[in-house]
Amino acid sequence: MPEKRHLKISPSILTSDFTRLGETIDTLCSSRCDYIHLDVMDGVFVPNISYGFPVIRDIAKKATKPLDVHLMIVDPDRYISVLRDASPEYVSVHYEACTHLNRSLQNIRANGMKAGVVLNPHTPVTSLEYIAEYCDLVVLMSVNPGFGGQSFIENTFRKVTQTKELLLRTGSKAMVEVDGGVNLNNAGALRDAGADIVVTGNAVFASGNPADTIELFKSV
Protein backbone atom coordinates (compact mmCIF):
# COMPACT_ATOMS: atom_id res chain seq x y z
CA MET A 1 0.00 0.00 0.00
CA PRO A 2 1.52 3.40 -0.96
CA GLU A 3 2.59 5.67 1.87
CA LYS A 4 0.15 8.47 2.62
CA ARG A 5 1.25 11.85 1.26
CA HIS A 6 1.53 14.59 3.84
CA LEU A 7 0.22 18.05 3.06
CA LYS A 8 2.43 21.09 3.25
CA ILE A 9 0.85 23.87 5.30
CA SER A 10 1.01 27.57 4.42
CA PRO A 11 -0.82 29.65 7.07
CA SER A 12 -2.06 33.01 5.83
CA ILE A 13 -1.42 35.85 8.27
CA LEU A 14 -4.34 37.80 6.77
CA THR A 15 -6.68 36.65 9.54
CA SER A 16 -4.12 36.97 12.34
CA ASP A 17 -3.94 39.77 14.92
CA PHE A 18 -1.87 42.48 13.23
CA THR A 19 -1.17 44.20 16.55
CA ARG A 20 0.90 41.10 17.38
CA LEU A 21 2.46 40.47 13.98
CA GLY A 22 5.98 39.81 15.25
CA GLU A 23 4.67 37.31 17.77
CA THR A 24 2.62 35.62 15.04
CA ILE A 25 5.70 35.21 12.84
CA ASP A 26 7.65 33.74 15.77
CA THR A 27 4.81 31.29 16.47
CA LEU A 28 4.65 30.15 12.85
CA CYS A 29 8.41 29.79 12.59
CA SER A 30 8.50 27.57 15.67
CA SER A 31 5.58 25.47 14.38
CA ARG A 32 5.54 22.66 11.82
CA CYS A 33 4.14 24.83 9.04
CA ASP A 34 6.06 24.71 5.78
CA TYR A 35 5.53 28.26 4.50
CA ILE A 36 4.12 31.60 5.61
CA HIS A 37 1.45 32.80 3.19
CA LEU A 38 1.32 36.53 2.46
CA ASP A 39 -1.72 37.98 0.67
CA VAL A 40 -1.12 41.29 -1.10
CA MET A 41 -4.37 43.05 -2.09
CA ASP A 42 -4.67 46.36 -3.92
CA GLY A 43 -8.38 47.22 -3.65
CA VAL A 44 -8.61 47.09 -7.46
CA PHE A 45 -8.18 43.48 -8.55
CA VAL A 46 -9.95 42.48 -5.34
CA PRO A 47 -12.28 44.66 -3.22
CA ASN A 48 -9.97 44.87 -0.24
CA ILE A 49 -6.55 46.22 0.74
CA SER A 50 -4.18 44.24 2.94
CA TYR A 51 -0.53 45.25 3.37
CA GLY A 52 2.34 46.21 1.14
CA PHE A 53 5.95 45.46 0.40
CA PRO A 54 7.59 47.27 3.37
CA VAL A 55 5.65 44.90 5.66
CA ILE A 56 6.79 41.91 3.61
CA ARG A 57 10.41 43.03 3.81
CA ASP A 58 10.15 43.31 7.60
CA ILE A 59 8.53 39.87 7.85
CA ALA A 60 11.32 38.45 5.70
CA LYS A 61 13.94 39.79 8.13
CA LYS A 62 12.27 37.94 11.00
CA ALA A 63 10.96 34.78 9.39
CA THR A 64 12.90 31.53 9.31
CA LYS A 65 10.22 29.79 7.25
CA PRO A 66 10.02 30.38 3.48
CA LEU A 67 7.51 32.96 2.28
CA ASP A 68 4.67 32.15 -0.10
CA VAL A 69 3.53 35.48 -1.62
CA HIS A 70 0.15 35.74 -3.36
CA LEU A 71 -0.27 38.91 -5.43
CA MET A 72 -3.96 39.81 -5.78
CA ILE A 73 -3.16 42.96 -7.71
CA VAL A 74 -3.37 44.41 -11.19
CA ASP A 75 -0.18 44.62 -13.25
CA PRO A 76 1.92 42.54 -10.81
CA ASP A 77 5.00 42.76 -13.05
CA ARG A 78 5.67 46.24 -11.65
CA TYR A 79 6.51 44.73 -8.26
CA ILE A 80 8.41 41.52 -8.97
CA SER A 81 11.83 43.13 -8.65
CA VAL A 82 10.70 44.84 -5.43
CA LEU A 83 9.90 41.44 -3.91
CA ARG A 84 13.33 40.10 -4.78
CA ASP A 85 14.87 41.72 -1.69
CA ALA A 86 12.52 39.70 0.55
CA SER A 87 13.63 36.45 -1.17
CA PRO A 88 10.27 34.63 -1.01
CA GLU A 89 10.19 31.00 -2.08
CA TYR A 90 7.11 31.50 -4.25
CA VAL A 91 5.52 34.51 -5.90
CA SER A 92 2.11 33.77 -7.42
CA VAL A 93 0.21 36.00 -9.84
CA HIS A 94 -3.35 35.68 -11.06
CA TYR A 95 -4.07 34.31 -14.51
CA GLU A 96 -6.87 36.88 -14.69
CA ALA A 97 -4.55 39.82 -13.91
CA CYS A 98 -1.75 39.14 -16.39
CA THR A 99 -2.02 40.17 -20.02
CA HIS A 100 1.27 38.41 -20.81
CA LEU A 101 1.33 35.58 -18.28
CA ASN A 102 4.26 33.77 -19.85
CA ARG A 103 6.39 36.89 -19.49
CA SER A 104 5.21 37.43 -15.90
CA LEU A 105 6.22 33.92 -14.85
CA GLN A 106 9.58 34.20 -16.58
CA ASN A 107 10.12 37.54 -14.82
CA ILE A 108 9.55 35.92 -11.43
CA ARG A 109 12.03 33.17 -12.20
CA ALA A 110 14.57 35.64 -13.59
CA ASN A 111 14.46 37.42 -10.23
CA GLY A 112 15.42 34.22 -8.41
CA MET A 113 11.98 33.19 -7.13
CA LYS A 114 9.67 30.28 -7.96
CA ALA A 115 6.73 31.20 -10.16
CA GLY A 116 3.12 30.48 -9.32
CA VAL A 117 -0.10 31.09 -11.23
CA VAL A 118 -3.45 31.50 -9.45
CA LEU A 119 -6.81 30.52 -10.92
CA ASN A 120 -10.02 32.09 -9.61
CA PRO A 121 -12.92 29.68 -8.98
CA HIS A 122 -14.51 30.39 -12.38
CA THR A 123 -11.30 30.04 -14.40
CA PRO A 124 -11.03 26.62 -16.09
CA VAL A 125 -8.08 24.32 -15.57
CA THR A 126 -7.58 24.21 -19.35
CA SER A 127 -6.21 27.76 -19.07
CA LEU A 128 -2.98 26.14 -17.89
CA GLU A 129 -2.51 24.10 -21.06
CA TYR A 130 0.19 26.27 -22.62
CA ILE A 131 1.65 27.77 -19.45
CA ALA A 132 2.12 24.77 -17.12
CA GLU A 133 5.76 24.24 -18.08
CA TYR A 134 6.62 27.72 -16.77
CA CYS A 135 4.93 27.16 -13.39
CA ASP A 136 6.48 25.96 -10.16
CA LEU A 137 3.16 26.28 -8.35
CA VAL A 138 -0.51 26.31 -9.34
CA VAL A 139 -2.82 27.93 -6.78
CA LEU A 140 -6.51 27.06 -7.00
CA MET A 141 -8.77 29.55 -5.28
CA SER A 142 -11.48 27.69 -3.39
CA VAL A 143 -13.20 30.97 -2.51
CA ASN A 144 -13.53 34.20 -4.46
CA PRO A 145 -10.40 36.18 -3.56
CA GLY A 146 -10.38 39.33 -1.49
CA PHE A 147 -11.62 38.39 1.98
CA GLY A 148 -10.72 35.85 4.65
CA GLY A 149 -13.23 33.58 6.32
CA GLN A 150 -15.28 32.58 3.26
CA SER A 151 -16.91 29.17 2.76
CA PHE A 152 -15.13 26.53 0.71
CA ILE A 153 -16.41 25.96 -2.85
CA GLU A 154 -17.07 22.22 -3.14
CA ASN A 155 -16.22 21.73 -6.83
CA THR A 156 -12.61 22.55 -5.92
CA PHE A 157 -12.00 18.84 -5.27
CA ARG A 158 -12.72 18.05 -8.92
CA LYS A 159 -10.63 21.01 -10.03
CA VAL A 160 -7.65 19.79 -8.02
CA THR A 161 -7.81 16.38 -9.68
CA GLN A 162 -8.13 17.93 -13.13
CA THR A 163 -5.15 20.19 -12.45
CA LYS A 164 -3.00 17.30 -11.29
CA GLU A 165 -3.91 15.36 -14.43
CA LEU A 166 -3.02 18.31 -16.67
CA LEU A 167 0.33 18.85 -14.94
CA LEU A 168 1.17 15.17 -15.32
CA ARG A 169 0.19 15.17 -18.99
CA THR A 170 2.22 18.29 -19.79
CA GLY A 171 5.26 17.15 -17.83
CA SER A 172 5.09 20.09 -15.42
CA LYS A 173 6.66 19.60 -11.98
CA ALA A 174 4.46 22.31 -10.42
CA MET A 175 2.88 21.70 -7.04
CA VAL A 176 -0.82 22.30 -6.46
CA GLU A 177 -1.89 24.65 -3.68
CA VAL A 178 -5.48 25.25 -2.52
CA ASP A 179 -6.37 28.61 -1.00
CA GLY A 180 -9.61 29.51 0.77
CA GLY A 181 -11.94 27.90 3.29
CA VAL A 182 -9.55 25.04 4.05
CA ASN A 183 -10.08 23.40 7.42
CA LEU A 184 -9.46 20.11 9.20
CA ASN A 185 -12.66 18.67 7.74
CA ASN A 186 -11.67 19.05 4.08
CA ALA A 187 -7.86 19.04 4.13
CA GLY A 188 -7.57 15.27 3.89
CA ALA A 189 -9.93 15.10 0.92
CA LEU A 190 -7.93 17.83 -0.82
CA ARG A 191 -4.74 15.82 -0.30
CA ASP A 192 -6.44 12.73 -1.71
CA ALA A 193 -7.61 14.74 -4.73
CA GLY A 194 -4.01 15.73 -5.44
CA ALA A 195 -3.26 18.90 -3.47
CA ASP A 196 0.32 19.33 -2.25
CA ILE A 197 -0.10 22.52 -0.18
CA VAL A 198 -3.07 24.08 1.60
CA VAL A 199 -3.40 27.68 2.71
CA THR A 200 -5.05 28.01 6.10
CA GLY A 201 -6.25 31.19 7.75
CA ASN A 202 -9.19 31.17 10.13
CA ALA A 203 -8.76 27.48 10.84
CA VAL A 204 -5.37 28.25 12.38
CA PHE A 205 -5.70 31.74 13.84
CA ALA A 206 -9.22 31.41 15.23
CA SER A 207 -8.17 28.30 17.13
CA GLY A 208 -6.97 28.43 20.68
CA ASN A 209 -3.47 27.37 19.74
CA PRO A 210 -2.22 27.96 16.16
CA ALA A 211 0.84 25.72 16.54
CA ASP A 212 -1.26 22.81 17.81
CA THR A 213 -3.75 23.30 14.98
CA ILE A 214 -0.95 23.25 12.41
CA GLU A 215 0.18 19.98 13.98
CA LEU A 216 -3.32 18.58 13.41
CA PHE A 217 -3.19 19.64 9.76
CA LYS A 218 0.13 17.85 9.38
CA SER A 219 -1.42 14.63 10.65
CA VAL A 220 -4.51 14.47 8.42
C-alpha atoms as a PDB file:
ATOM      1  CA  MET A   1       0.000   0.000   0.000  1.00  0.00           C
ATOM      2  CA  PRO A   2       1.515   3.398  -0.957  1.00  0.00           C
ATOM      3  CA  GLU A   3       2.594   5.671   1.865  1.00  0.00           C
ATOM      4  CA  LYS A   4       0.150   8.475   2.617  1.00  0.00           C
ATOM      5  CA  ARG A   5       1.250  11.845   1.264  1.00  0.00           C
ATOM      6  CA  HIS A   6       1.525  14.588   3.840  1.00  0.00           C
ATOM      7  CA  LEU A   7       0.224  18.050   3.061  1.00  0.00           C
ATOM      8  CA  LYS A   8       2.431  21.087   3.254  1.00  0.00           C
ATOM      9  CA  ILE A   9       0.851  23.872   5.300  1.00  0.00           C
ATOM     10  CA  SER A  10       1.006  27.573   4.416  1.00  0.00           C
ATOM     11  CA  PRO A  11      -0.819  29.645   7.069  1.00  0.00           C
ATOM     12  CA  SER A  12      -2.065  33.012   5.827  1.00  0.00           C
ATOM     13  CA  ILE A  13      -1.424  35.846   8.265  1.00  0.00           C
ATOM     14  CA  LEU A  14      -4.337  37.804   6.768  1.00  0.00           C
ATOM     15  CA  THR A  15      -6.679  36.653   9.540  1.00  0.00           C
ATOM     16  CA  SER A  16      -4.123  36.971  12.337  1.00  0.00           C
ATOM     17  CA  ASP A  17      -3.943  39.773  14.920  1.00  0.00           C
ATOM     18  CA  PHE A  18      -1.866  42.481  13.232  1.00  0.00           C
ATOM     19  CA  THR A  19      -1.175  44.199  16.545  1.00  0.00           C
ATOM     20  CA  ARG A  20       0.903  41.102  17.385  1.00  0.00           C
ATOM     21  CA  LEU A  21       2.464  40.467  13.980  1.00  0.00           C
ATOM     22  CA  GLY A  22       5.979  39.813  15.252  1.00  0.00           C
ATOM     23  CA  GLU A  23       4.670  37.307  17.769  1.00  0.00           C
ATOM     24  CA  THR A  24       2.623  35.624  15.039  1.00  0.00           C
ATOM     25  CA  ILE A  25       5.695  35.207  12.838  1.00  0.00           C
ATOM     26  CA  ASP A  26       7.646  33.741  15.775  1.00  0.00           C
ATOM     27  CA  THR A  27       4.808  31.290  16.468  1.00  0.00           C
ATOM     28  CA  LEU A  28       4.652  30.151  12.853  1.00  0.00           C
ATOM     29  CA  CYS A  29       8.407  29.791  12.587  1.00  0.00           C
ATOM     30  CA  SER A  30       8.502  27.571  15.672  1.00  0.00           C
ATOM     31  CA  SER A  31       5.578  25.473  14.381  1.00  0.00           C
ATOM     32  CA  ARG A  32       5.542  22.663  11.822  1.00  0.00           C
ATOM     33  CA  CYS A  33       4.142  24.832   9.041  1.00  0.00           C
ATOM     34  CA  ASP A  34       6.055  24.710   5.778  1.00  0.00           C
ATOM     35  CA  TYR A  35       5.525  28.259   4.503  1.00  0.00           C
ATOM     36  CA  ILE A  36       4.124  31.604   5.611  1.00  0.00           C
ATOM     37  CA  HIS A  37       1.453  32.800   3.186  1.00  0.00           C
ATOM     38  CA  LEU A  38       1.322  36.534   2.465  1.00  0.00           C
ATOM     39  CA  ASP A  39      -1.724  37.976   0.666  1.00  0.00           C
ATOM     40  CA  VAL A  40      -1.116  41.290  -1.099  1.00  0.00           C
ATOM     41  CA  MET A  41      -4.372  43.052  -2.094  1.00  0.00           C
ATOM     42  CA  ASP A  42      -4.668  46.363  -3.916  1.00  0.00           C
ATOM     43  CA  GLY A  43      -8.378  47.223  -3.652  1.00  0.00           C
ATOM     44  CA  VAL A  44      -8.606  47.086  -7.459  1.00  0.00           C
ATOM     45  CA  PHE A  45      -8.181  43.484  -8.549  1.00  0.00           C
ATOM     46  CA  VAL A  46      -9.951  42.480  -5.341  1.00  0.00           C
ATOM     47  CA  PRO A  47     -12.283  44.661  -3.224  1.00  0.00           C
ATOM     48  CA  ASN A  48      -9.970  44.866  -0.242  1.00  0.00           C
ATOM     49  CA  ILE A  49      -6.547  46.218   0.738  1.00  0.00           C
ATOM     50  CA  SER A  50      -4.179  44.240   2.942  1.00  0.00           C
ATOM     51  CA  TYR A  51      -0.528  45.246   3.371  1.00  0.00           C
ATOM     52  CA  GLY A  52       2.344  46.215   1.137  1.00  0.00           C
ATOM     53  CA  PHE A  53       5.952  45.460   0.397  1.00  0.00           C
ATOM     54  CA  PRO A  54       7.589  47.266   3.365  1.00  0.00           C
ATOM     55  CA  VAL A  55       5.651  44.901   5.663  1.00  0.00           C
ATOM     56  CA  ILE A  56       6.785  41.907   3.610  1.00  0.00           C
ATOM     57  CA  ARG A  57      10.406  43.025   3.811  1.00  0.00           C
ATOM     58  CA  ASP A  58      10.153  43.311   7.603  1.00  0.00           C
ATOM     59  CA  ILE A  59       8.533  39.868   7.848  1.00  0.00           C
ATOM     60  CA  ALA A  60      11.324  38.451   5.697  1.00  0.00           C
ATOM     61  CA  LYS A  61      13.938  39.794   8.133  1.00  0.00           C
ATOM     62  CA  LYS A  62      12.268  37.945  11.004  1.00  0.00           C
ATOM     63  CA  ALA A  63      10.955  34.775   9.393  1.00  0.00           C
ATOM     64  CA  THR A  64      12.902  31.535   9.308  1.00  0.00           C
ATOM     65  CA  LYS A  65      10.215  29.785   7.247  1.00  0.00           C
ATOM     66  CA  PRO A  66      10.025  30.378   3.480  1.00  0.00           C
ATOM     67  CA  LEU A  67       7.514  32.958   2.281  1.00  0.00           C
ATOM     68  CA  ASP A  68       4.667  32.152  -0.104  1.00  0.00           C
ATOM     69  CA  VAL A  69       3.534  35.479  -1.623  1.00  0.00           C
ATOM     70  CA  HIS A  70       0.147  35.742  -3.362  1.00  0.00           C
ATOM     71  CA  LEU A  71      -0.269  38.914  -5.431  1.00  0.00           C
ATOM     72  CA  MET A  72      -3.963  39.808  -5.776  1.00  0.00           C
ATOM     73  CA  ILE A  73      -3.163  42.965  -7.713  1.00  0.00           C
ATOM     74  CA  VAL A  74      -3.371  44.415 -11.190  1.00  0.00           C
ATOM     75  CA  ASP A  75      -0.180  44.616 -13.254  1.00  0.00           C
ATOM     76  CA  PRO A  76       1.918  42.544 -10.812  1.00  0.00           C
ATOM     77  CA  ASP A  77       5.002  42.761 -13.052  1.00  0.00           C
ATOM     78  CA  ARG A  78       5.673  46.237 -11.650  1.00  0.00           C
ATOM     79  CA  TYR A  79       6.513  44.729  -8.264  1.00  0.00           C
ATOM     80  CA  ILE A  80       8.415  41.523  -8.974  1.00  0.00           C
ATOM     81  CA  SER A  81      11.833  43.126  -8.649  1.00  0.00           C
ATOM     82  CA  VAL A  82      10.695  44.844  -5.430  1.00  0.00           C
ATOM     83  CA  LEU A  83       9.902  41.443  -3.915  1.00  0.00           C
ATOM     84  CA  ARG A  84      13.332  40.098  -4.785  1.00  0.00           C
ATOM     85  CA  ASP A  85      14.867  41.725  -1.692  1.00  0.00           C
ATOM     86  CA  ALA A  86      12.518  39.698   0.548  1.00  0.00           C
ATOM     87  CA  SER A  87      13.632  36.453  -1.169  1.00  0.00           C
ATOM     88  CA  PRO A  88      10.273  34.631  -1.011  1.00  0.00           C
ATOM     89  CA  GLU A  89      10.186  30.999  -2.078  1.00  0.00           C
ATOM     90  CA  TYR A  90       7.105  31.502  -4.246  1.00  0.00           C
ATOM     91  CA  VAL A  91       5.517  34.505  -5.900  1.00  0.00           C
ATOM     92  CA  SER A  92       2.108  33.772  -7.423  1.00  0.00           C
ATOM     93  CA  VAL A  93       0.209  35.995  -9.838  1.00  0.00           C
ATOM     94  CA  HIS A  94      -3.353  35.680 -11.064  1.00  0.00           C
ATOM     95  CA  TYR A  95      -4.069  34.310 -14.507  1.00  0.00           C
ATOM     96  CA  GLU A  96      -6.869  36.881 -14.687  1.00  0.00           C
ATOM     97  CA  ALA A  97      -4.548  39.821 -13.908  1.00  0.00           C
ATOM     98  CA  CYS A  98      -1.745  39.137 -16.388  1.00  0.00           C
ATOM     99  CA  THR A  99      -2.018  40.173 -20.025  1.00  0.00           C
ATOM    100  CA  HIS A 100       1.267  38.411 -20.815  1.00  0.00           C
ATOM    101  CA  LEU A 101       1.329  35.581 -18.283  1.00  0.00           C
ATOM    102  CA  ASN A 102       4.260  33.765 -19.847  1.00  0.00           C
ATOM    103  CA  ARG A 103       6.387  36.885 -19.490  1.00  0.00           C
ATOM    104  CA  SER A 104       5.207  37.429 -15.898  1.00  0.00           C
ATOM    105  CA  LEU A 105       6.218  33.919 -14.849  1.00  0.00           C
ATOM    106  CA  GLN A 106       9.582  34.201 -16.583  1.00  0.00           C
ATOM    107  CA  ASN A 107      10.120  37.538 -14.823  1.00  0.00           C
ATOM    108  CA  ILE A 108       9.546  35.916 -11.428  1.00  0.00           C
ATOM    109  CA  ARG A 109      12.034  33.166 -12.196  1.00  0.00           C
ATOM    110  CA  ALA A 110      14.569  35.643 -13.594  1.00  0.00           C
ATOM    111  CA  ASN A 111      14.465  37.421 -10.230  1.00  0.00           C
ATOM    112  CA  GLY A 112      15.415  34.221  -8.412  1.00  0.00           C
ATOM    113  CA  MET A 113      11.981  33.185  -7.127  1.00  0.00           C
ATOM    114  CA  LYS A 114       9.672  30.284  -7.956  1.00  0.00           C
ATOM    115  CA  ALA A 115       6.729  31.204 -10.162  1.00  0.00           C
ATOM    116  CA  GLY A 116       3.115  30.479  -9.323  1.00  0.00           C
ATOM    117  CA  VAL A 117      -0.099  31.086 -11.229  1.00  0.00           C
ATOM    118  CA  VAL A 118      -3.447  31.500  -9.455  1.00  0.00           C
ATOM    119  CA  LEU A 119      -6.811  30.523 -10.916  1.00  0.00           C
ATOM    120  CA  ASN A 120     -10.016  32.087  -9.614  1.00  0.00           C
ATOM    121  CA  PRO A 121     -12.919  29.684  -8.978  1.00  0.00           C
ATOM    122  CA  HIS A 122     -14.512  30.391 -12.375  1.00  0.00           C
ATOM    123  CA  THR A 123     -11.303  30.039 -14.399  1.00  0.00           C
ATOM    124  CA  PRO A 124     -11.029  26.617 -16.091  1.00  0.00           C
ATOM    125  CA  VAL A 125      -8.078  24.323 -15.572  1.00  0.00           C
ATOM    126  CA  THR A 126      -7.576  24.211 -19.348  1.00  0.00           C
ATOM    127  CA  SER A 127      -6.207  27.763 -19.067  1.00  0.00           C
ATOM    128  CA  LEU A 128      -2.976  26.137 -17.889  1.00  0.00           C
ATOM    129  CA  GLU A 129      -2.511  24.096 -21.061  1.00  0.00           C
ATOM    130  CA  TYR A 130       0.191  26.268 -22.619  1.00  0.00           C
ATOM    131  CA  ILE A 131       1.651  27.768 -19.448  1.00  0.00           C
ATOM    132  CA  ALA A 132       2.119  24.771 -17.123  1.00  0.00           C
ATOM    133  CA  GLU A 133       5.762  24.241 -18.083  1.00  0.00           C
ATOM    134  CA  TYR A 134       6.624  27.718 -16.772  1.00  0.00           C
ATOM    135  CA  CYS A 135       4.927  27.158 -13.392  1.00  0.00           C
ATOM    136  CA  ASP A 136       6.477  25.962 -10.159  1.00  0.00           C
ATOM    137  CA  LEU A 137       3.156  26.285  -8.348  1.00  0.00           C
ATOM    138  CA  VAL A 138      -0.513  26.311  -9.343  1.00  0.00           C
ATOM    139  CA  VAL A 139      -2.819  27.932  -6.785  1.00  0.00           C
ATOM    140  CA  LEU A 140      -6.506  27.065  -6.997  1.00  0.00           C
ATOM    141  CA  MET A 141      -8.773  29.553  -5.275  1.00  0.00           C
ATOM    142  CA  SER A 142     -11.477  27.686  -3.393  1.00  0.00           C
ATOM    143  CA  VAL A 143     -13.201  30.970  -2.507  1.00  0.00           C
ATOM    144  CA  ASN A 144     -13.528  34.201  -4.458  1.00  0.00           C
ATOM    145  CA  PRO A 145     -10.397  36.176  -3.561  1.00  0.00           C
ATOM    146  CA  GLY A 146     -10.384  39.329  -1.488  1.00  0.00           C
ATOM    147  CA  PHE A 147     -11.621  38.391   1.978  1.00  0.00           C
ATOM    148  CA  GLY A 148     -10.719  35.852   4.651  1.00  0.00           C
ATOM    149  CA  GLY A 149     -13.230  33.585   6.321  1.00  0.00           C
ATOM    150  CA  GLN A 150     -15.281  32.578   3.257  1.00  0.00           C
ATOM    151  CA  SER A 151     -16.911  29.170   2.764  1.00  0.00           C
ATOM    152  CA  PHE A 152     -15.128  26.533   0.711  1.00  0.00           C
ATOM    153  CA  ILE A 153     -16.411  25.957  -2.853  1.00  0.00           C
ATOM    154  CA  GLU A 154     -17.074  22.219  -3.140  1.00  0.00           C
ATOM    155  CA  ASN A 155     -16.221  21.728  -6.825  1.00  0.00           C
ATOM    156  CA  THR A 156     -12.610  22.551  -5.923  1.00  0.00           C
ATOM    157  CA  PHE A 157     -11.999  18.844  -5.270  1.00  0.00           C
ATOM    158  CA  ARG A 158     -12.719  18.051  -8.915  1.00  0.00           C
ATOM    159  CA  LYS A 159     -10.632  21.010 -10.032  1.00  0.00           C
ATOM    160  CA  VAL A 160      -7.645  19.789  -8.017  1.00  0.00           C
ATOM    161  CA  THR A 161      -7.813  16.384  -9.681  1.00  0.00           C
ATOM    162  CA  GLN A 162      -8.127  17.932 -13.133  1.00  0.00           C
ATOM    163  CA  THR A 163      -5.151  20.194 -12.446  1.00  0.00           C
ATOM    164  CA  LYS A 164      -3.000  17.302 -11.289  1.00  0.00           C
ATOM    165  CA  GLU A 165      -3.909  15.360 -14.430  1.00  0.00           C
ATOM    166  CA  LEU A 166      -3.017  18.314 -16.674  1.00  0.00           C
ATOM    167  CA  LEU A 167       0.327  18.845 -14.940  1.00  0.00           C
ATOM    168  CA  LEU A 168       1.173  15.166 -15.320  1.00  0.00           C
ATOM    169  CA  ARG A 169       0.185  15.173 -18.989  1.00  0.00           C
ATOM    170  CA  THR A 170       2.224  18.292 -19.790  1.00  0.00           C
ATOM    171  CA  GLY A 171       5.264  17.146 -17.832  1.00  0.00           C
ATOM    172  CA  SER A 172       5.091  20.094 -15.415  1.00  0.00           C
ATOM    173  CA  LYS A 173       6.656  19.605 -11.979  1.00  0.00           C
ATOM    174  CA  ALA A 174       4.465  22.311 -10.418  1.00  0.00           C
ATOM    175  CA  MET A 175       2.879  21.698  -7.038  1.00  0.00           C
ATOM    176  CA  VAL A 176      -0.818  22.295  -6.462  1.00  0.00           C
ATOM    177  CA  GLU A 177      -1.890  24.647  -3.679  1.00  0.00           C
ATOM    178  CA  VAL A 178      -5.482  25.250  -2.524  1.00  0.00           C
ATOM    179  CA  ASP A 179      -6.365  28.610  -1.001  1.00  0.00           C
ATOM    180  CA  GLY A 180      -9.613  29.509   0.769  1.00  0.00           C
ATOM    181  CA  GLY A 181     -11.938  27.898   3.293  1.00  0.00           C
ATOM    182  CA  VAL A 182      -9.549  25.040   4.048  1.00  0.00           C
ATOM    183  CA  ASN A 183     -10.083  23.396   7.421  1.00  0.00           C
ATOM    184  CA  LEU A 184      -9.461  20.114   9.204  1.00  0.00           C
ATOM    185  CA  ASN A 185     -12.659  18.667   7.745  1.00  0.00           C
ATOM    186  CA  ASN A 186     -11.674  19.052   4.083  1.00  0.00           C
ATOM    187  CA  ALA A 187      -7.859  19.044   4.125  1.00  0.00           C
ATOM    188  CA  GLY A 188      -7.572  15.266   3.892  1.00  0.00           C
ATOM    189  CA  ALA A 189      -9.926  15.096   0.920  1.00  0.00           C
ATOM    190  CA  LEU A 190      -7.927  17.831  -0.817  1.00  0.00           C
ATOM    191  CA  ARG A 191      -4.742  15.822  -0.298  1.00  0.00           C
ATOM    192  CA  ASP A 192      -6.443  12.726  -1.707  1.00  0.00           C
ATOM    193  CA  ALA A 193      -7.609  14.741  -4.728  1.00  0.00           C
ATOM    194  CA  GLY A 194      -4.010  15.732  -5.442  1.00  0.00           C
ATOM    195  CA  ALA A 195      -3.258  18.898  -3.469  1.00  0.00           C
ATOM    196  CA  ASP A 196       0.318  19.330  -2.251  1.00  0.00           C
ATOM    197  CA  ILE A 197      -0.099  22.517  -0.182  1.00  0.00           C
ATOM    198  CA  VAL A 198      -3.073  24.084   1.597  1.00  0.00           C
ATOM    199  CA  VAL A 199      -3.397  27.683   2.709  1.00  0.00           C
ATOM    200  CA  THR A 200      -5.050  28.008   6.103  1.00  0.00           C
ATOM    201  CA  GLY A 201      -6.250  31.185   7.755  1.00  0.00           C
ATOM    202  CA  ASN A 202      -9.189  31.174  10.126  1.00  0.00           C
ATOM    203  CA  ALA A 203      -8.762  27.478  10.840  1.00  0.00           C
ATOM    204  CA  VAL A 204      -5.367  28.252  12.382  1.00  0.00           C
ATOM    205  CA  PHE A 205      -5.697  31.736  13.844  1.00  0.00           C
ATOM    206  CA  ALA A 206      -9.215  31.413  15.235  1.00  0.00           C
ATOM    207  CA  SER A 207      -8.172  28.296  17.125  1.00  0.00           C
ATOM    208  CA  GLY A 208      -6.970  28.430  20.681  1.00  0.00           C
ATOM    209  CA  ASN A 209      -3.466  27.368  19.742  1.00  0.00           C
ATOM    210  CA  PRO A 210      -2.225  27.964  16.163  1.00  0.00           C
ATOM    211  CA  ALA A 211       0.844  25.723  16.541  1.00  0.00           C
ATOM    212  CA  ASP A 212      -1.257  22.811  17.806  1.00  0.00           C
ATOM    213  CA  THR A 213      -3.752  23.298  14.977  1.00  0.00           C
ATOM    214  CA  ILE A 214      -0.947  23.251  12.407  1.00  0.00           C
ATOM    215  CA  GLU A 215       0.183  19.980  13.979  1.00  0.00           C
ATOM    216  CA  LEU A 216      -3.323  18.581  13.412  1.00  0.00           C
ATOM    217  CA  PHE A 217      -3.194  19.643   9.755  1.00  0.00           C
ATOM    218  CA  LYS A 218       0.132  17.854   9.376  1.00  0.00           C
ATOM    219  CA  SER A 219      -1.419  14.628  10.655  1.00  0.00           C
ATOM    220  CA  VAL A 220      -4.508  14.473   8.415  1.00  0.00           C
END
